[in-house]
Amino acid sequence: MVALNIDKGGPEKAETFLEETGATDLKAYYDPSGKLFTTLKAVGMPTTLLIDPEGKEMGRLVGPANWASPEAKALIQAAIDAAQSGSQ
């Protein structure tokens, strides 16, 4: 998982958010230019992209999501399983 902050206020805001939400093992990356947002064709924030081991987009979700929910965990596990079976 990669967290990318495009907030023009600086990286501190993202780092504070990660600390407040308990995501302390997640490193935040910062793109103040916002060019990656355009490159990824993101249309809103937050945007979550699921990328396979070859770098191809497997799925996209625009808006907030409860990634700790059983449904989200099942979705991620299914994507991991699909990527692993496709690489064999």
PDB file of N, CA and C in Angstrom:
ATOM      1  N   MET A   1       0.845  -1.164   0.000  1.00  0.00           N
ATOM      2  CA  MET A   1       0.000   0.000   0.000  1.00  0.00           C
ATOM      3  C   MET A   1       0.894   1.231   0.000  1.00  0.00           C
ATOM      4  N   VAL A   2       0.512   2.193  -0.802  1.00  0.00           N
ATOM      5  CA  VAL A   2       1.245   3.454  -0.899  1.00  0.00           C
ATOM      6  C   VAL A   2       0.250   4.576  -0.658  1.00  0.00           C
ATOM      7  N   ALA A   3       0.561   5.442   0.277  1.00  0.00           N
ATOM      8  CA  ALA A   3      -0.273   6.619   0.537  1.00  0.00           C
ATOM      9  C   ALA A   3       0.388   7.811  -0.141  1.00  0.00           C
ATOM     10  N   LEU A   4      -0.348   8.468  -1.004  1.00  0.00           N
ATOM     11  CA  LEU A   4       0.184   9.614  -1.733  1.00  0.00           C
ATOM     12  C   LEU A   4      -0.620  10.854  -1.383  1.00  0.00           C
ATOM     13  N   ASN A   5       0.058  11.846  -0.856  1.00  0.00           N
ATOM     14  CA  ASN A   5      -0.580  13.100  -0.469  1.00  0.00           C
ATOM     15  C   ASN A   5      -0.311  14.148  -1.551  1.00  0.00           C
ATOM     16  N   ILE A   6      -1.376  14.777  -2.046  1.00  0.00           N
ATOM     17  CA  ILE A   6      -1.202  15.854  -3.020  1.00  0.00           C
ATOM     18  C   ILE A   6      -1.636  17.190  -2.432  1.00  0.00           C
ATOM     19  N   ASP A   7      -1.888  17.221  -1.136  1.00  0.00           N
ATOM     20  CA  ASP A   7      -2.304  18.444  -0.451  1.00  0.00           C
ATOM     21  C   ASP A   7      -1.192  19.488  -0.564  1.00  0.00           C
ATOM     22  N   LYS A   8      -1.533  20.684  -0.987  1.00  0.00           N
ATOM     23  CA  LYS A   8      -0.532  21.734  -1.142  1.00  0.00           C
ATOM     24  C   LYS A   8      -0.065  22.309   0.198  1.00  0.00           C
ATOM     25  N   GLY A   9      -0.717  21.891   1.290  1.00  0.00           N
ATOM     26  CA  GLY A   9      -0.337  22.370   2.608  1.00  0.00           C
ATOM     27  C   GLY A   9       0.920  21.727   3.166  1.00  0.00           C
ATOM     28  N   GLY A  10       1.417  20.731   2.491  1.00  0.00           N
ATOM     29  CA  GLY A  10       2.645  20.086   2.929  1.00  0.00           C
ATOM     30  C   GLY A  10       2.406  18.691   3.463  1.00  0.00           C
ATOM     31  N   PRO A  11       3.484  17.953   3.655  1.00  0.00           N
ATOM     32  CA  PRO A  11       3.384  16.549   4.065  1.00  0.00           C
ATOM     33  C   PRO A  11       2.933  16.350   5.509  1.00  0.00           C
ATOM     34  N   GLU A  12       3.014  17.382   6.328  1.00  0.00           N
ATOM     35  CA  GLU A  12       2.665  17.235   7.737  1.00  0.00           C
ATOM     36  C   GLU A  12       1.203  16.814   7.927  1.00  0.00           C
ATOM     37  N   LYS A  13       0.323  17.321   7.100  1.00  0.00           N
ATOM     38  CA  LYS A  13      -1.096  17.003   7.218  1.00  0.00           C
ATOM     39  C   LYS A  13      -1.333  15.506   7.034  1.00  0.00           C
ATOM     40  N   ALA A  14      -0.705  14.911   6.026  1.00  0.00           N
ATOM     41  CA  ALA A  14      -0.858  13.473   5.780  1.00  0.00           C
ATOM     42  C   ALA A  14      -0.234  12.667   6.908  1.00  0.00           C
ATOM     43  N   GLU A  15       0.922  13.091   7.383  1.00  0.00           N
ATOM     44  CA  GLU A  15       1.585  12.370   8.466  1.00  0.00           C
ATOM     45  C   GLU A  15       0.737  12.405   9.734  1.00  0.00           C
ATOM     46  N   THR A  16       0.128  13.551  10.023  1.00  0.00           N
ATOM     47  CA  THR A  16      -0.755  13.674  11.183  1.00  0.00           C
ATOM     48  C   THR A  16      -1.963  12.765  11.023  1.00  0.00           C
ATOM     49  N   PHE A  17      -2.541  12.735   9.821  1.00  0.00           N
ATOM     50  CA  PHE A  17      -3.689  11.874   9.549  1.00  0.00           C
ATOM     51  C   PHE A  17      -3.341  10.405   9.792  1.00  0.00           C
ATOM     52  N   LEU A  18      -2.205   9.965   9.288  1.00  0.00           N
ATOM     53  CA  LEU A  18      -1.801   8.570   9.468  1.00  0.00           C
ATOM     54  C   LEU A  18      -1.605   8.249  10.949  1.00  0.00           C
ATOM     55  N   GLU A  19      -1.030   9.172  11.686  1.00  0.00           N
ATOM     56  CA  GLU A  19      -0.846   8.966  13.125  1.00  0.00           C
ATOM     57  C   GLU A  19      -2.189   8.886  13.842  1.00  0.00           C
ATOM     58  N   GLU A  20      -3.104   9.800  13.510  1.00  0.00           N
ATOM     59  CA  GLU A  20      -4.419   9.848  14.161  1.00  0.00           C
ATOM     60  C   GLU A  20      -5.247   8.598  13.881  1.00  0.00           C
ATOM     61  N   THR A  21      -5.067   8.013  12.703  1.00  0.00           N
ATOM     62  CA  THR A  21      -5.848   6.833  12.341  1.00  0.00           C
ATOM     63  C   THR A  21      -5.144   5.525  12.705  1.00  0.00           C
ATOM     64  N   GLY A  22      -3.953   5.635  13.265  1.00  0.00           N
ATOM     65  CA  GLY A  22      -3.225   4.438  13.694  1.00  0.00           C
ATOM     66  C   GLY A  22      -2.499   3.723  12.571  1.00  0.00           C
ATOM     67  N   ALA A  23      -2.364   4.359  11.430  1.00  0.00           N
ATOM     68  CA  ALA A  23      -1.669   3.745  10.289  1.00  0.00           C
ATOM     69  C   ALA A  23      -0.181   4.084  10.351  1.00  0.00           C
ATOM     70  N   THR A  24       0.430   3.766  11.474  1.00  0.00           N
ATOM     71  CA  THR A  24       1.818   4.177  11.707  1.00  0.00           C
ATOM     72  C   THR A  24       2.834   3.359  10.918  1.00  0.00           C
ATOM     73  N   ASP A  25       2.445   2.225  10.365  1.00  0.00           N
ATOM     74  CA  ASP A  25       3.360   1.424   9.550  1.00  0.00           C
ATOM     75  C   ASP A  25       3.320   1.815   8.076  1.00  0.00           C
ATOM     76  N   LEU A  26       2.486   2.768   7.745  1.00  0.00           N
ATOM     77  CA  LEU A  26       2.313   3.200   6.357  1.00  0.00           C
ATOM     78  C   LEU A  26       3.112   4.473   6.127  1.00  0.00           C
ATOM     79  N   LYS A  27       4.002   4.442   5.149  1.00  0.00           N
ATOM     80  CA  LYS A  27       4.795   5.619   4.811  1.00  0.00           C
ATOM     81  C   LYS A  27       3.994   6.499   3.854  1.00  0.00           C
ATOM     82  N   ALA A  28       4.013   7.780   4.109  1.00  0.00           N
ATOM     83  CA  ALA A  28       3.311   8.732   3.242  1.00  0.00           C
ATOM     84  C   ALA A  28       4.279   9.318   2.222  1.00  0.00           C
ATOM     85  N   TYR A  29       3.830   9.392   0.999  1.00  0.00           N
ATOM     86  CA  TYR A  29       4.597  10.043  -0.059  1.00  0.00           C
ATOM     87  C   TYR A  29       3.880  11.330  -0.414  1.00  0.00           C
ATOM     88  N   TYR A  30       4.601  12.277  -0.961  1.00  0.00           N
ATOM     89  CA  TYR A  30       4.077  13.619  -1.167  1.00  0.00           C
ATOM     90  C   TYR A  30       4.325  14.056  -2.607  1.00  0.00           C
ATOM     91  N   ASP A  31       3.270  14.516  -3.283  1.00  0.00           N
ATOM     92  CA  ASP A  31       3.364  15.036  -4.645  1.00  0.00           C
ATOM     93  C   ASP A  31       2.706  16.412  -4.684  1.00  0.00           C
ATOM     94  N   PRO A  32       3.446  17.457  -4.297  1.00  0.00           N
ATOM     95  CA  PRO A  32       2.842  18.793  -4.245  1.00  0.00           C
ATOM     96  C   PRO A  32       2.437  19.331  -5.608  1.00  0.00           C
ATOM     97  N   SER A  33       3.000  18.780  -6.689  1.00  0.00           N
ATOM     98  CA  SER A  33       2.645  19.261  -8.025  1.00  0.00           C
ATOM     99  C   SER A  33       1.269  18.754  -8.452  1.00  0.00           C
ATOM    100  N   GLY A  34       0.828  17.637  -7.889  1.00  0.00           N
ATOM    101  CA  GLY A  34      -0.454  17.052  -8.280  1.00  0.00           C
ATOM    102  C   GLY A  34      -0.418  16.372  -9.635  1.00  0.00           C
ATOM    103  N   LYS A  35       0.750  16.264 -10.233  1.00  0.00           N
ATOM    104  CA  LYS A  35       0.855  15.659 -11.565  1.00  0.00           C
ATOM    105  C   LYS A  35       0.461  14.189 -11.559  1.00  0.00           C
ATOM    106  N   LEU A  36       0.787  13.485 -10.487  1.00  0.00           N
ATOM    107  CA  LEU A  36       0.434  12.069 -10.440  1.00  0.00           C
ATOM    108  C   LEU A  36      -1.079  11.894 -10.405  1.00  0.00           C
ATOM    109  N   PHE A  37      -1.778  12.803  -9.736  1.00  0.00           N
ATOM    110  CA  PHE A  37      -3.243  12.775  -9.693  1.00  0.00           C
ATOM    111  C   PHE A  37      -3.805  12.810 -11.109  1.00  0.00           C
ATOM    112  N   THR A  38      -3.238  13.663 -11.941  1.00  0.00           N
ATOM    113  CA  THR A  38      -3.663  13.778 -13.337  1.00  0.00           C
ATOM    114  C   THR A  38      -3.251  12.544 -14.132  1.00  0.00           C
ATOM    115  N   THR A  39      -2.037  12.089 -13.933  1.00  0.00           N
ATOM    116  CA  THR A  39      -1.532  10.917 -14.638  1.00  0.00           C
ATOM    117  C   THR A  39      -2.397   9.686 -14.360  1.00  0.00           C
ATOM    118  N   LEU A  40      -2.841   9.547 -13.109  1.00  0.00           N
ATOM    119  CA  LEU A  40      -3.669   8.407 -12.721  1.00  0.00           C
ATOM    120  C   LEU A  40      -5.134   8.591 -13.107  1.00  0.00           C
ATOM    121  N   LYS A  41      -5.468   9.756 -13.634  1.00  0.00           N
ATOM    122  CA  LYS A  41      -6.839  10.092 -14.033  1.00  0.00           C
ATOM    123  C   LYS A  41      -7.804   9.988 -12.855  1.00  0.00           C
ATOM    124  N   ALA A  42      -7.329  10.441 -11.709  1.00  0.00           N
ATOM    125  CA  ALA A  42      -8.172  10.458 -10.516  1.00  0.00           C
ATOM    126  C   ALA A  42      -9.167  11.606 -10.651  1.00  0.00           C
ATOM    127  N   VAL A  43     -10.403  11.366 -10.222  1.00  0.00           N
ATOM    128  CA  VAL A  43     -11.438  12.390 -10.359  1.00  0.00           C
ATOM    129  C   VAL A  43     -11.926  12.916  -9.021  1.00  0.00           C
ATOM    130  N   GLY A  44     -11.442  12.390  -7.945  1.00  0.00           N
ATOM    131  CA  GLY A  44     -11.844  12.842  -6.623  1.00  0.00           C
ATOM    132  C   GLY A  44     -10.906  12.301  -5.572  1.00  0.00           C
ATOM    133  N   MET A  45     -11.070  12.798  -4.366  1.00  0.00           N
ATOM    134  CA  MET A  45     -10.225  12.338  -3.272  1.00  0.00           C
ATOM    135  C   MET A  45     -11.097  11.893  -2.115  1.00  0.00           C
ATOM    136  N   PRO A  46     -10.756  10.845  -1.461  1.00  0.00           N
ATOM    137  CA  PRO A  46      -9.626   9.980  -1.821  1.00  0.00           C
ATOM    138  C   PRO A  46      -9.965   9.087  -3.002  1.00  0.00           C
ATOM    139  N   THR A  47      -8.953   8.655  -3.692  1.00  0.00           N
ATOM    140  CA  THR A  47      -9.084   7.657  -4.747  1.00  0.00           C
ATOM    141  C   THR A  47      -8.165   6.504  -4.395  1.00  0.00           C
ATOM    142  N   THR A  48      -8.695   5.293  -4.436  1.00  0.00           N
ATOM    143  CA  THR A  48      -7.912   4.099  -4.150  1.00  0.00           C
ATOM    144  C   THR A  48      -7.763   3.309  -5.434  1.00  0.00           C
ATOM    145  N   LEU A  49      -6.526   2.962  -5.764  1.00  0.00           N
ATOM    146  CA  LEU A  49      -6.247   2.133  -6.931  1.00  0.00           C
ATOM    147  C   LEU A  49      -5.679   0.811  -6.450  1.00  0.00           C
ATOM    148  N   LEU A  50      -6.145  -0.265  -7.014  1.00  0.00           N
ATOM    149  CA  LEU A  50      -5.613  -1.588  -6.738  1.00  0.00           C
ATOM    150  C   LEU A  50      -4.777  -1.978  -7.950  1.00  0.00           C
ATOM    151  N   ILE A  51      -3.476  -2.166  -7.722  1.00  0.00           N
ATOM    152  CA  ILE A  51      -2.521  -2.416  -8.800  1.00  0.00           C
ATOM    153  C   ILE A  51      -1.982  -3.839  -8.683  1.00  0.00           C
ATOM    154  N   ASP A  52      -1.898  -4.540  -9.801  1.00  0.00           N
ATOM    155  CA  ASP A  52      -1.373  -5.910  -9.768  1.00  0.00           C
ATOM    156  C   ASP A  52       0.160  -5.884  -9.767  1.00  0.00           C
ATOM    157  N   PRO A  53       0.797  -7.042  -9.591  1.00  0.00           N
ATOM    158  CA  PRO A  53       2.268  -7.078  -9.530  1.00  0.00           C
ATOM    159  C   PRO A  53       2.960  -6.556 -10.791  1.00  0.00           C
ATOM    160  N   GLU A  54       2.260  -6.555 -11.925  1.00  0.00           N
ATOM    161  CA  GLU A  54       2.851  -6.032 -13.160  1.00  0.00           C
ATOM    162  C   GLU A  54       2.601  -4.529 -13.335  1.00  0.00           C
ATOM    163  N   GLY A  55       1.928  -3.906 -12.367  1.00  0.00           N
ATOM    164  CA  GLY A  55       1.674  -2.478 -12.426  1.00  0.00           C
ATOM    165  C   GLY A  55       0.394  -2.099 -13.158  1.00  0.00           C
ATOM    166  N   LYS A  56      -0.448  -3.076 -13.468  1.00  0.00           N
ATOM    167  CA  LYS A  56      -1.710  -2.788 -14.152  1.00  0.00           C
ATOM    168  C   LYS A  56      -2.811  -2.561 -13.124  1.00  0.00           C
ATOM    169  N   GLU A  57      -3.676  -1.615 -13.424  1.00  0.00           N
ATOM    170  CA  GLU A  57      -4.794  -1.315 -12.535  1.00  0.00           C
ATOM    171  C   GLU A  57      -5.824  -2.441 -12.568  1.00  0.00           C
ATOM    172  N   MET A  58      -6.152  -2.955 -11.368  1.00  0.00           N
ATOM    173  CA  MET A  58      -7.150  -4.012 -11.250  1.00  0.00           C
ATOM    174  C   MET A  58      -8.501  -3.462 -10.817  1.00  0.00           C
ATOM    175  N   GLY A  59      -8.477  -2.342 -10.122  1.00  0.00           N
ATOM    176  CA  GLY A  59      -9.712  -1.765  -9.632  1.00  0.00           C
ATOM    177  C   GLY A  59      -9.477  -0.367  -9.109  1.00  0.00           C
ATOM    178  N   ARG A  60     -10.578   0.364  -8.943  1.00  0.00           N
ATOM    179  CA  ARG A  60     -10.508   1.763  -8.511  1.00  0.00           C
ATOM    180  C   ARG A  60     -11.747   2.074  -7.694  1.00  0.00           C
ATOM    181  N   LEU A  61     -11.545   2.833  -6.628  1.00  0.00           N
ATOM    182  CA  LEU A  61     -12.657   3.300  -5.813  1.00  0.00           C
ATOM    183  C   LEU A  61     -12.441   4.779  -5.537  1.00  0.00           C
ATOM    184  N   VAL A  62     -13.427   5.586  -5.902  1.00  0.00           N
ATOM    185  CA  VAL A  62     -13.375   7.014  -5.629  1.00  0.00           C
ATOM    186  C   VAL A  62     -14.230   7.288  -4.405  1.00  0.00           C
ATOM    187  N   GLY A  63     -13.629   7.911  -3.407  1.00  0.00           N
ATOM    188  CA  GLY A  63     -14.344   8.240  -2.183  1.00  0.00           C
ATOM    189  C   GLY A  63     -13.830   7.425  -1.010  1.00  0.00           C
ATOM    190  N   PRO A  64     -14.300   7.763   0.166  1.00  0.00           N
ATOM    191  CA  PRO A  64     -13.837   7.056   1.360  1.00  0.00           C
ATOM    192  C   PRO A  64     -14.379   5.639   1.422  1.00  0.00           C
ATOM    193  N   ALA A  65     -13.642   4.784   2.097  1.00  0.00           N
ATOM    194  CA  ALA A  65     -14.072   3.389   2.266  1.00  0.00           C
ATOM    195  C   ALA A  65     -13.577   2.886   3.613  1.00  0.00           C
ATOM    196  N   ASN A  66     -14.299   1.950   4.167  1.00  0.00           N
ATOM    197  CA  ASN A  66     -13.882   1.317   5.412  1.00  0.00           C
ATOM    198  C   ASN A  66     -13.043   0.094   5.048  1.00  0.00           C
ATOM    199  N   TRP A  67     -11.742   0.274   4.918  1.00  0.00           N
ATOM    200  CA  TRP A  67     -10.859  -0.804   4.491  1.00  0.00           C
ATOM    201  C   TRP A  67     -10.636  -1.846   5.573  1.00  0.00           C
ATOM    202  N   ALA A  68     -11.138  -1.619   6.774  1.00  0.00           N
ATOM    203  CA  ALA A  68     -11.035  -2.606   7.848  1.00  0.00           C
ATOM    204  C   ALA A  68     -12.267  -3.506   7.913  1.00  0.00           C
ATOM    205  N   SER A  69     -13.259  -3.243   7.062  1.00  0.00           N
ATOM    206  CA  SER A  69     -14.485  -4.043   7.093  1.00  0.00           C
ATOM    207  C   SER A  69     -14.229  -5.440   6.530  1.00  0.00           C
ATOM    208  N   PRO A  70     -15.028  -6.424   6.949  1.00  0.00           N
ATOM    209  CA  PRO A  70     -14.877  -7.781   6.405  1.00  0.00           C
ATOM    210  C   PRO A  70     -15.029  -7.821   4.883  1.00  0.00           C
ATOM    211  N   GLU A  71     -15.932  -7.012   4.333  1.00  0.00           N
ATOM    212  CA  GLU A  71     -16.148  -6.995   2.886  1.00  0.00           C
ATOM    213  C   GLU A  71     -14.909  -6.471   2.154  1.00  0.00           C
ATOM    214  N   ALA A  72     -14.315  -5.406   2.679  1.00  0.00           N
ATOM    215  CA  ALA A  72     -13.120  -4.841   2.050  1.00  0.00           C
ATOM    216  C   ALA A  72     -11.958  -5.820   2.127  1.00  0.00           C
ATOM    217  N   LYS A  73     -11.807  -6.464   3.273  1.00  0.00           N
ATOM    218  CA  LYS A  73     -10.727  -7.447   3.419  1.00  0.00           C
ATOM    219  C   LYS A  73     -10.923  -8.607   2.454  1.00  0.00           C
ATOM    220  N   ALA A  74     -12.152  -9.052   2.269  1.00  0.00           N
ATOM    221  CA  ALA A  74     -12.443 -10.138   1.328  1.00  0.00           C
ATOM    222  C   ALA A  74     -12.135  -9.711  -0.108  1.00  0.00           C
ATOM    223  N   LEU A  75     -12.461  -8.475  -0.452  1.00  0.00           N
ATOM    224  CA  LEU A  75     -12.185  -7.952  -1.783  1.00  0.00           C
ATOM    225  C   LEU A  75     -10.684  -7.922  -2.051  1.00  0.00           C
ATOM    226  N   ILE A  76      -9.930  -7.422  -1.090  1.00  0.00           N
ATOM    227  CA  ILE A  76      -8.470  -7.351  -1.242  1.00  0.00           C
ATOM    228  C   ILE A  76      -7.882  -8.757  -1.343  1.00  0.00           C
ATOM    229  N   GLN A  77      -8.358  -9.671  -0.504  1.00  0.00           N
ATOM    230  CA  GLN A  77      -7.848 -11.047  -0.557  1.00  0.00           C
ATOM    231  C   GLN A  77      -8.151 -11.692  -1.904  1.00  0.00           C
ATOM    232  N   ALA A  78      -9.337 -11.453  -2.444  1.00  0.00           N
ATOM    233  CA  ALA A  78      -9.701 -11.992  -3.752  1.00  0.00           C
ATOM    234  C   ALA A  78      -8.771 -11.435  -4.839  1.00  0.00           C
ATOM    235  N   ALA A  79      -8.435 -10.172  -4.751  1.00  0.00           N
ATOM    236  CA  ALA A  79      -7.526  -9.555  -5.735  1.00  0.00           C
ATOM    237  C   ALA A  79      -6.125 -10.135  -5.614  1.00  0.00           C
ATOM    238  N   ILE A  80      -5.672 -10.337  -4.383  1.00  0.00           N
ATOM    239  CA  ILE A  80      -4.357 -10.947  -4.171  1.00  0.00           C
ATOM    240  C   ILE A  80      -4.332 -12.358  -4.730  1.00  0.00           C
ATOM    241  N   ASP A  81      -5.385 -13.128  -4.443  1.00  0.00           N
ATOM    242  CA  ASP A  81      -5.466 -14.496  -4.948  1.00  0.00           C
ATOM    243  C   ASP A  81      -5.473 -14.521  -6.477  1.00  0.00           C
ATOM    244  N   ALA A  82      -6.213 -13.610  -7.079  1.00  0.00           N
ATOM    245  CA  ALA A  82      -6.290 -13.547  -8.545  1.00  0.00           C
ATOM    246  C   ALA A  82      -4.929 -13.183  -9.131  1.00  0.00           C
ATOM    247  N   ALA A  83      -4.234 -12.241  -8.515  1.00  0.00           N
ATOM    248  CA  ALA A  83      -2.914 -11.837  -9.012  1.00  0.00           C
ATOM    249  C   ALA A  83      -1.925 -12.984  -8.872  1.00  0.00           C
ATOM    250  N   GLN A  84      -2.004 -13.706  -7.783  1.00  0.00           N
ATOM    251  CA  GLN A  84      -1.079 -14.824  -7.578  1.00  0.00           C
ATOM    252  C   GLN A  84      -1.360 -15.970  -8.537  1.00  0.00           C
ATOM    253  N   SER A  85      -2.625 -16.256  -8.804  1.00  0.00           N
ATOM    254  CA  SER A  85      -2.947 -17.347  -9.736  1.00  0.00           C
ATOM    255  C   SER A  85      -2.594 -16.961 -11.168  1.00  0.00           C
ATOM    256  N   GLY A  86      -2.675 -15.674 -11.474  1.00  0.00           N
ATOM    257  CA  GLY A  86      -2.320 -15.208 -12.815  1.00  0.00           C
ATOM    258  C   GLY A  86      -0.830 -15.202 -13.081  1.00  0.00           C
ATOM    259  N   SER A  87      -0.011 -15.165 -12.021  1.00  0.00           N
ATOM    260  CA  SER A  87       1.433 -15.117 -12.192  1.00  0.00           C
ATOM    261  C   SER A  87       2.059 -16.496 -12.191  1.00  0.00           C
ATOM    262  N   GLN A  88       1.229 -17.538 -12.027  1.00  0.00           N
ATOM    263  CA  GLN A  88       1.775 -18.904 -11.998  1.00  0.00           C
ATOM    264  C   GLN A  88       1.685 -19.554 -13.349  1.00  0.00           C
TER     265      GLN A  88
END
